[in-house]
Amino acid sequence: MNKIKYLVMAFVAVCLTAAISSCEKEKEVEKIVEKEVIKTDTVTVEKKDTVREPASNWERYQQLVTADVKNKKKQNKAILLVAFGSTWEQAFNAFDTTIDAYQKAFPKYDIFLSYSSAICINRAAAGENGVARNYYAPPFWLNAFAAEGVQYEEIVIQSLQVIPGEEYTRVINYIKDFANNSNGDLDDSYLANVTLKLGVPLLQDADEDVNLVAKELNAIYKDKAAEGVVAFMGHGNPDSYDTYKANVRYTQLEEALQQYNKNYYVGTVDMMENFKTNVWERMMANGIKSGKVYCHPLMSIDGDHGHNDMAGDDDDNWDGEKFTPNEEGEVEDTSWKMYFQHLGYECNDETMINLGLLELPTIRQVWMNHTQAAIDGEPLEYYHSKNPE
């Protein structure tokens, strides 16, 4: 009897436990449902008043850029300046000045600036050189220009590259991806009607641009060229990345400058057979074995290359008597300043001209001329890339 009573009581306990457990689960489900309802309501409200929490950094960056564009939009046309990028405050200031100049010159356009280099974007945001600034890649800006509530009717993309090389090719591909809705998340009807235009790099044309830039550089530096060498340091592309064979522009610019004065030289950081060692060889061939050597970045801004490769104090390759070139003929780990200094020239901090080309108003104007030419010209045509045969 006691055993039966015990079994009955145990059975009742199990039932009660199951019932309680079932009730708790129902309450738990109710809580989840309640949370979902609340969450759904919140999302509904957020869609009206705020932006939902981004799912990735890419989405977060896009939200930030789109919000910035919406906040600054005043016109129905936009100009996007595309620079390689930098992490130096001097470069930031040069870009700010360029934006101001563009706003004055093109009052019917909203002006924005982007970086094409992911490394520069990340390092600038991290404040590598003491000041943190946020720049974003061209796709974020182009997507923002197409966003609901923005949708500029005309977009001009202006390359701030010096030569039409590898980085300029990337600019073109950004535009193609945008025009062809590569991610499939833009309004195709808008893309079918928006006007896209492209402003070319500083030295796009071998005759007109090269000769104009040479003329303007000589107007600025003819006094220095009269008392010593003025050596411009461009970037250049390694042979395997020499898109459109654009490196030739450096050689052409040197030839154009030497029409004014044989003391002008143009070398690069990465162009084969046009390193600082090759500049020195050409100087020696012209009988220039001593005297002042002024160094100047031939880049849109005076950034890392200008501060370090050109004007830095690095001379690790100098053993006290000689340099040891690498297999390509370049003297690595030695700046232009220290290289020419060790070779007996007057080349020091005083002969470093720490200015990027965008900081020279007459040179900046050449880029702006390209922008105006793009505005006055025909829109980009993407029929064949949109409709492959």
Protein backbone atom coordinates (compact mmCIF):
# COMPACT_ATOMS: atom_id res chain seq x y z
CA MET A 1 0.00 0.00 0.00
CA ASN A 2 2.77 2.39 0.92
CA LYS A 3 4.55 1.41 -2.27
CA ILE A 4 1.47 2.20 -4.34
CA LYS A 5 1.00 5.49 -2.49
CA TYR A 6 4.62 6.34 -3.18
CA LEU A 7 4.24 5.58 -6.87
CA VAL A 8 1.09 7.68 -7.11
CA MET A 9 2.78 10.57 -5.35
CA ALA A 10 5.82 10.26 -7.62
CA PHE A 11 3.60 10.22 -10.68
CA VAL A 12 1.78 13.33 -9.49
CA ALA A 13 5.12 15.03 -8.82
CA VAL A 14 6.37 14.22 -12.30
CA CYS A 15 3.15 15.59 -13.80
CA LEU A 16 3.37 18.74 -11.71
CA THR A 17 7.04 19.18 -12.68
CA ALA A 18 6.20 18.69 -16.33
CA ALA A 19 3.31 21.12 -16.04
CA ILE A 20 5.46 23.72 -14.31
CA SER A 21 8.23 23.18 -16.85
CA SER A 22 5.71 23.51 -19.66
CA CYS A 23 4.36 26.72 -18.17
CA GLU A 24 7.87 28.12 -17.80
CA LYS A 25 8.65 27.28 -21.42
CA GLU A 26 5.42 28.93 -22.50
CA LYS A 27 6.39 32.02 -20.51
CA GLU A 28 9.90 31.85 -22.01
CA VAL A 29 8.41 31.63 -25.49
CA GLU A 30 6.11 34.50 -24.65
CA LYS A 31 9.13 36.54 -23.57
CA ILE A 32 10.96 35.72 -26.80
CA VAL A 33 7.90 36.57 -28.85
CA GLU A 34 7.46 39.73 -26.82
CA LYS A 35 11.09 40.63 -27.47
CA GLU A 36 10.66 39.93 -31.13
CA VAL A 37 7.57 42.09 -31.26
CA ILE A 38 9.40 44.86 -29.45
CA LYS A 39 12.40 44.40 -31.71
CA THR A 40 10.17 44.46 -34.77
CA ASP A 41 8.53 47.64 -33.55
CA THR A 42 11.93 49.14 -32.84
CA VAL A 43 13.21 48.28 -36.30
CA THR A 44 10.09 49.83 -37.79
CA VAL A 45 10.73 53.01 -35.83
CA GLU A 46 14.44 52.95 -36.68
CA LYS A 47 13.69 52.67 -40.35
CA LYS A 48 11.71 55.88 -40.03
CA ASP A 49 13.95 57.84 -37.68
CA THR A 50 17.40 56.27 -37.44
CA VAL A 51 19.71 53.82 -39.15
CA ARG A 52 19.74 50.24 -37.98
CA GLU A 53 22.88 48.72 -36.50
CA PRO A 54 25.22 47.80 -39.41
CA ALA A 55 26.04 44.15 -39.94
CA SER A 56 29.66 44.79 -41.01
CA ASN A 57 32.33 47.46 -41.16
CA TRP A 58 31.62 47.83 -44.87
CA GLU A 59 27.97 48.61 -44.12
CA ARG A 60 28.96 50.94 -41.29
CA TYR A 61 31.31 52.89 -43.54
CA GLN A 62 28.63 53.10 -46.20
CA GLN A 63 26.14 54.46 -43.68
CA LEU A 64 28.63 57.09 -42.50
CA VAL A 65 29.46 58.23 -46.02
CA THR A 66 25.84 58.26 -47.14
CA ALA A 67 24.83 60.27 -44.08
CA ASP A 68 27.65 62.74 -44.78
CA VAL A 69 26.59 63.15 -48.41
CA LYS A 70 22.95 63.65 -47.47
CA ASN A 71 23.95 66.24 -44.91
CA LYS A 72 26.16 68.19 -47.33
CA LYS A 73 24.09 67.89 -50.49
CA LYS A 74 23.24 71.32 -51.86
CA GLN A 75 23.43 70.82 -55.61
CA ASN A 76 22.24 68.21 -58.11
CA LYS A 77 25.77 67.59 -59.38
CA ALA A 78 28.86 66.27 -57.62
CA ILE A 79 32.62 66.11 -58.17
CA LEU A 80 34.51 63.26 -56.52
CA LEU A 81 38.25 63.84 -56.23
CA VAL A 82 40.17 60.56 -56.06
CA ALA A 83 43.64 60.66 -54.50
CA PHE A 84 45.91 57.74 -53.70
CA GLY A 85 46.03 59.02 -50.12
CA SER A 86 48.40 59.90 -47.31
CA THR A 87 48.73 59.82 -43.52
CA TRP A 88 50.45 63.18 -43.06
CA GLU A 89 48.77 66.31 -41.73
CA GLN A 90 50.44 68.39 -44.43
CA ALA A 91 48.73 66.19 -47.00
CA PHE A 92 45.38 66.50 -45.20
CA ASN A 93 45.74 70.27 -45.36
CA ALA A 94 46.62 70.09 -49.06
CA PHE A 95 43.49 68.06 -49.73
CA ASP A 96 41.38 70.51 -47.71
CA THR A 97 42.80 73.42 -49.68
CA THR A 98 42.08 71.57 -52.93
CA ILE A 99 38.47 70.99 -51.91
CA ASP A 100 38.12 74.70 -51.11
CA ALA A 101 39.60 75.62 -54.50
CA TYR A 102 37.19 73.29 -56.27
CA GLN A 103 34.20 74.65 -54.39
CA LYS A 104 35.08 78.17 -55.54
CA ALA A 105 35.76 77.11 -59.12
CA PHE A 106 32.72 74.82 -59.46
CA PRO A 107 29.93 76.38 -57.35
CA LYS A 108 27.22 74.30 -59.05
CA TYR A 109 28.82 71.07 -57.81
CA ASP A 110 29.13 69.46 -54.39
CA ILE A 111 32.77 68.48 -53.82
CA PHE A 112 33.99 65.33 -52.08
CA LEU A 113 37.38 63.60 -51.79
CA SER A 114 38.25 59.91 -51.49
CA TYR A 115 41.32 57.71 -51.09
CA SER A 116 41.99 54.80 -53.41
CA SER A 117 44.64 53.23 -51.14
CA ALA A 118 43.30 50.92 -48.42
CA ILE A 119 46.62 51.18 -46.58
CA CYS A 120 46.40 54.97 -46.47
CA ILE A 121 42.76 54.84 -45.40
CA ASN A 122 43.51 52.53 -42.47
CA ARG A 123 46.69 54.29 -41.37
CA ALA A 124 45.13 57.75 -41.63
CA ALA A 125 42.22 56.58 -39.48
CA ALA A 126 44.69 55.17 -36.94
CA GLY A 127 46.54 58.50 -36.74
CA GLU A 128 49.83 57.01 -37.89
CA ASN A 129 51.53 60.40 -37.94
CA GLY A 130 49.75 61.93 -34.96
CA VAL A 131 46.51 63.18 -36.51
CA ALA A 132 43.62 60.81 -37.24
CA ARG A 133 41.42 61.52 -40.26
CA ASN A 134 38.74 59.34 -41.83
CA TYR A 135 38.82 58.93 -45.59
CA TYR A 136 36.87 56.36 -47.58
CA ALA A 137 37.30 54.52 -50.86
CA PRO A 138 35.52 55.70 -54.04
CA PRO A 139 32.84 52.96 -54.05
CA PHE A 140 31.38 54.28 -50.78
CA TRP A 141 31.03 57.77 -52.24
CA LEU A 142 29.61 56.59 -55.55
CA ASN A 143 27.06 54.40 -53.77
CA ALA A 144 26.12 57.35 -51.57
CA PHE A 145 25.63 59.52 -54.65
CA ALA A 146 23.11 56.96 -55.89
CA ALA A 147 21.31 56.58 -52.55
CA GLU A 148 17.64 57.30 -52.16
CA GLY A 149 17.25 60.95 -51.26
CA VAL A 150 20.51 61.90 -53.01
CA GLN A 151 20.78 60.60 -56.58
CA TYR A 152 22.92 63.26 -58.20
CA GLU A 153 22.03 63.78 -61.85
CA GLU A 154 25.68 64.30 -62.82
CA ILE A 155 28.81 62.84 -61.24
CA VAL A 156 32.32 63.89 -62.25
CA ILE A 157 35.17 61.71 -61.00
CA GLN A 158 38.48 63.56 -61.04
CA SER A 159 41.67 61.55 -60.78
CA LEU A 160 44.34 63.30 -58.69
CA GLN A 161 47.00 60.92 -59.98
CA VAL A 162 50.07 62.39 -61.72
CA ILE A 163 50.42 59.82 -64.52
CA PRO A 164 47.78 57.66 -66.22
CA GLY A 165 49.16 54.46 -64.70
CA GLU A 166 48.11 51.71 -62.30
CA GLU A 167 46.20 53.88 -59.83
CA TYR A 168 44.34 55.68 -62.60
CA THR A 169 43.25 52.29 -63.95
CA ARG A 170 41.73 51.55 -60.54
CA VAL A 171 39.76 54.80 -60.74
CA ILE A 172 38.34 53.74 -64.10
CA ASN A 173 37.38 50.33 -62.73
CA TYR A 174 35.59 51.93 -59.76
CA ILE A 175 33.45 53.86 -62.22
CA LYS A 176 32.73 50.78 -64.32
CA ASP A 177 31.68 48.75 -61.27
CA PHE A 178 29.38 51.56 -60.18
CA ALA A 179 27.84 52.09 -63.63
CA ASN A 180 27.24 48.35 -64.02
CA ASN A 181 25.79 47.94 -60.51
CA SER A 182 28.37 45.28 -59.65
CA ASN A 183 26.79 44.49 -56.27
CA GLY A 184 23.24 44.59 -57.59
CA ASP A 185 22.04 46.88 -54.81
CA LEU A 186 21.62 50.17 -56.68
CA ASP A 187 18.67 51.55 -58.61
CA ASP A 188 19.15 50.43 -62.22
CA SER A 189 16.73 53.05 -63.53
CA TYR A 190 18.83 55.75 -61.85
CA LEU A 191 22.08 54.32 -63.22
CA ALA A 192 20.58 54.25 -66.71
CA ASN A 193 20.07 58.02 -66.59
CA VAL A 194 22.84 59.46 -64.43
CA THR A 195 25.56 61.35 -66.30
CA LEU A 196 29.09 60.14 -65.50
CA LYS A 197 32.23 62.02 -66.49
CA LEU A 198 35.93 61.42 -65.87
CA GLY A 199 38.71 63.96 -65.31
CA VAL A 200 42.11 62.63 -66.36
CA PRO A 201 45.44 62.70 -64.43
CA LEU A 202 47.85 65.63 -64.40
CA LEU A 203 50.14 64.32 -67.16
CA GLN A 204 47.53 62.56 -69.28
CA ASP A 205 48.56 64.10 -72.59
CA ALA A 206 52.16 63.67 -73.72
CA ASP A 207 52.28 67.04 -75.45
CA GLU A 208 49.78 69.48 -74.01
CA ASP A 209 49.90 68.42 -70.34
CA VAL A 210 53.62 67.65 -70.13
CA ASN A 211 54.60 70.96 -71.74
CA LEU A 212 52.14 72.99 -69.66
CA VAL A 213 53.33 71.44 -66.38
CA ALA A 214 56.96 71.97 -67.39
CA LYS A 215 56.21 75.60 -68.17
CA GLU A 216 54.50 76.17 -64.82
CA LEU A 217 57.19 74.35 -62.81
CA ASN A 218 59.89 76.40 -64.50
CA ALA A 219 58.00 79.60 -63.72
CA ILE A 220 58.11 78.63 -60.05
CA TYR A 221 61.63 77.21 -59.80
CA LYS A 222 63.70 78.92 -62.49
CA ASP A 223 65.63 80.88 -59.85
CA LYS A 224 66.63 77.68 -58.07
CA ALA A 225 67.50 75.98 -61.35
CA ALA A 226 69.81 78.91 -62.08
CA GLU A 227 71.89 78.15 -58.99
CA GLY A 228 71.76 74.34 -58.85
CA VAL A 229 69.99 71.13 -59.78
CA VAL A 230 66.24 70.86 -59.19
CA ALA A 231 65.48 67.13 -58.94
CA PHE A 232 61.82 66.10 -58.94
CA MET A 233 60.98 62.75 -57.34
CA GLY A 234 57.94 61.01 -58.83
CA HIS A 235 56.51 57.69 -57.76
CA GLY A 236 56.42 55.63 -60.92
CA ASN A 237 55.27 52.06 -61.39
CA PRO A 238 57.43 48.92 -61.44
CA ASP A 239 57.64 47.47 -64.95
CA SER A 240 55.05 44.79 -64.19
CA TYR A 241 52.58 47.48 -63.10
CA ASP A 242 53.40 50.09 -65.74
CA THR A 243 49.82 50.34 -67.01
CA TYR A 244 49.52 52.10 -70.38
CA LYS A 245 53.34 52.46 -70.22
CA ALA A 246 52.67 55.67 -68.32
CA ASN A 247 56.17 55.84 -66.79
CA VAL A 248 57.33 57.52 -69.98
CA ARG A 249 55.68 60.73 -68.75
CA TYR A 250 58.56 61.25 -66.28
CA THR A 251 61.12 61.07 -69.06
CA GLN A 252 59.03 63.37 -71.23
CA LEU A 253 58.66 65.87 -68.40
CA GLU A 254 62.43 65.94 -67.82
CA GLU A 255 62.98 66.56 -71.52
CA ALA A 256 60.41 69.38 -71.50
CA LEU A 257 61.93 70.97 -68.39
CA GLN A 258 65.42 70.81 -69.84
CA GLN A 259 64.25 72.96 -72.71
CA TYR A 260 64.25 75.71 -70.08
CA ASN A 261 67.32 74.64 -68.08
CA LYS A 262 69.59 71.58 -68.14
CA ASN A 263 69.57 71.60 -64.32
CA TYR A 264 66.10 70.04 -64.17
CA TYR A 265 65.86 66.28 -63.58
CA VAL A 266 62.97 63.91 -62.96
CA GLY A 267 63.50 60.57 -61.21
CA THR A 268 61.22 58.16 -59.38
CA VAL A 269 60.87 55.77 -56.48
CA ASP A 270 59.74 52.76 -58.52
CA MET A 271 60.41 53.27 -62.23
CA MET A 272 63.12 50.96 -63.53
CA GLU A 273 66.18 52.80 -64.85
CA ASN A 274 64.94 56.08 -63.42
CA PHE A 275 65.92 55.84 -59.75
CA LYS A 276 67.99 58.49 -57.99
CA THR A 277 71.09 56.58 -59.08
CA ASN A 278 70.06 57.08 -62.70
CA VAL A 279 69.40 60.78 -62.07
CA TRP A 280 72.95 61.06 -60.73
CA GLU A 281 74.34 59.30 -63.79
CA ARG A 282 72.57 61.79 -66.07
CA MET A 283 73.89 64.66 -63.96
CA MET A 284 77.43 63.33 -64.26
CA ALA A 285 77.03 62.90 -68.02
CA ASN A 286 76.10 66.60 -68.16
CA GLY A 287 79.17 67.54 -66.14
CA ILE A 288 77.33 68.34 -62.91
CA LYS A 289 79.69 66.89 -60.31
CA SER A 290 79.10 69.35 -57.45
CA GLY A 291 76.86 72.18 -56.29
CA LYS A 292 73.38 72.46 -54.84
CA VAL A 293 70.73 69.82 -55.36
CA TYR A 294 67.17 70.85 -54.59
CA CYS A 295 64.72 67.94 -54.20
CA HIS A 296 60.98 68.24 -54.76
CA PRO A 297 58.18 65.62 -54.66
CA LEU A 298 56.52 65.14 -58.04
CA MET A 299 53.40 63.82 -56.34
CA SER A 300 50.05 65.36 -55.55
CA ILE A 301 51.04 65.69 -51.89
CA ASP A 302 54.21 65.67 -49.81
CA GLY A 303 53.52 62.51 -47.83
CA ASP A 304 55.46 59.48 -46.73
CA HIS A 305 57.63 59.31 -49.85
CA GLY A 306 58.46 62.99 -49.65
CA HIS A 307 59.23 62.97 -45.93
CA ASN A 308 61.20 59.71 -45.94
CA ASP A 309 62.36 58.54 -49.39
CA MET A 310 63.26 62.05 -50.44
CA ALA A 311 64.01 64.15 -47.36
CA GLY A 312 64.62 61.52 -44.67
CA ASP A 313 67.85 60.92 -42.75
CA ASP A 314 68.08 57.25 -43.70
CA ASP A 315 71.50 56.36 -45.15
CA ASP A 316 71.93 52.74 -44.05
CA ASN A 317 73.41 51.83 -47.42
CA TRP A 318 76.38 54.18 -47.00
CA ASP A 319 79.36 52.32 -45.53
CA GLY A 320 81.48 55.43 -45.11
CA GLU A 321 83.04 55.19 -48.56
CA LYS A 322 80.51 53.92 -51.07
CA PHE A 323 76.96 52.73 -51.79
CA THR A 324 75.99 49.22 -52.84
CA PRO A 325 73.17 49.27 -55.43
CA ASN A 326 70.70 46.40 -55.58
CA GLU A 327 70.20 44.20 -58.64
CA GLU A 328 67.92 46.84 -60.18
CA GLY A 329 70.56 49.53 -59.79
CA GLU A 330 68.85 51.40 -56.94
CA VAL A 331 70.48 52.32 -53.63
CA GLU A 332 67.95 51.19 -51.07
CA ASP A 333 67.66 52.41 -47.46
CA THR A 334 69.09 55.81 -48.39
CA SER A 335 67.07 58.97 -49.02
CA TRP A 336 67.65 61.30 -51.95
CA LYS A 337 68.95 63.91 -49.53
CA MET A 338 71.57 61.64 -47.99
CA TYR A 339 72.46 60.03 -51.31
CA PHE A 340 73.43 63.29 -53.02
CA GLN A 341 74.98 64.60 -49.83
CA HIS A 342 77.35 61.64 -49.56
CA LEU A 343 78.26 62.07 -53.22
CA GLY A 344 79.60 65.55 -52.42
CA TYR A 345 76.68 67.76 -53.37
CA GLU A 346 75.16 70.50 -51.22
CA CYS A 347 71.97 68.64 -50.41
CA ASN A 348 70.45 69.06 -46.96
CA ASP A 349 67.31 70.10 -45.12
CA GLU A 350 67.59 73.60 -46.62
CA THR A 351 67.49 72.26 -50.18
CA MET A 352 64.45 70.05 -49.60
CA ILE A 353 61.33 71.62 -51.15
CA ASN A 354 58.61 69.97 -49.10
CA LEU A 355 55.59 70.79 -51.22
CA GLY A 356 53.18 68.51 -53.04
CA LEU A 357 51.91 69.51 -56.48
CA LEU A 358 48.44 70.26 -55.13
CA GLU A 359 50.08 72.93 -52.96
CA LEU A 360 51.21 74.75 -56.11
CA PRO A 361 48.13 76.67 -57.37
CA THR A 362 49.22 76.80 -61.02
CA ILE A 363 49.84 73.05 -61.10
CA ARG A 364 46.61 72.33 -59.25
CA GLN A 365 44.91 74.38 -61.94
CA VAL A 366 45.97 71.82 -64.57
CA TRP A 367 43.93 69.17 -62.74
CA MET A 368 41.05 71.64 -62.54
CA ASN A 369 41.35 72.25 -66.27
CA HIS A 370 40.87 68.51 -66.77
CA THR A 371 37.77 68.65 -64.59
CA GLN A 372 36.33 71.46 -66.69
CA ALA A 373 37.16 69.57 -69.87
CA ALA A 374 35.30 66.54 -68.50
CA ILE A 375 32.27 68.68 -67.66
CA ASP A 376 32.31 70.23 -71.13
CA GLY A 377 32.84 66.87 -72.85
CA GLU A 378 30.67 63.91 -73.60
CA PRO A 379 29.42 61.57 -70.82
CA LEU A 380 31.11 58.21 -70.35
CA GLU A 381 29.44 55.50 -72.40
CA TYR A 382 29.03 52.01 -70.94
CA TYR A 383 26.84 50.31 -73.53
CA HIS A 384 29.32 47.55 -74.35
CA SER A 385 30.23 46.78 -70.76
CA LYS A 386 26.57 46.71 -69.78
CA ASN A 387 25.52 44.70 -72.81
CA PRO A 388 28.29 42.19 -73.63
CA GLU A 389 27.93 40.65 -77.07
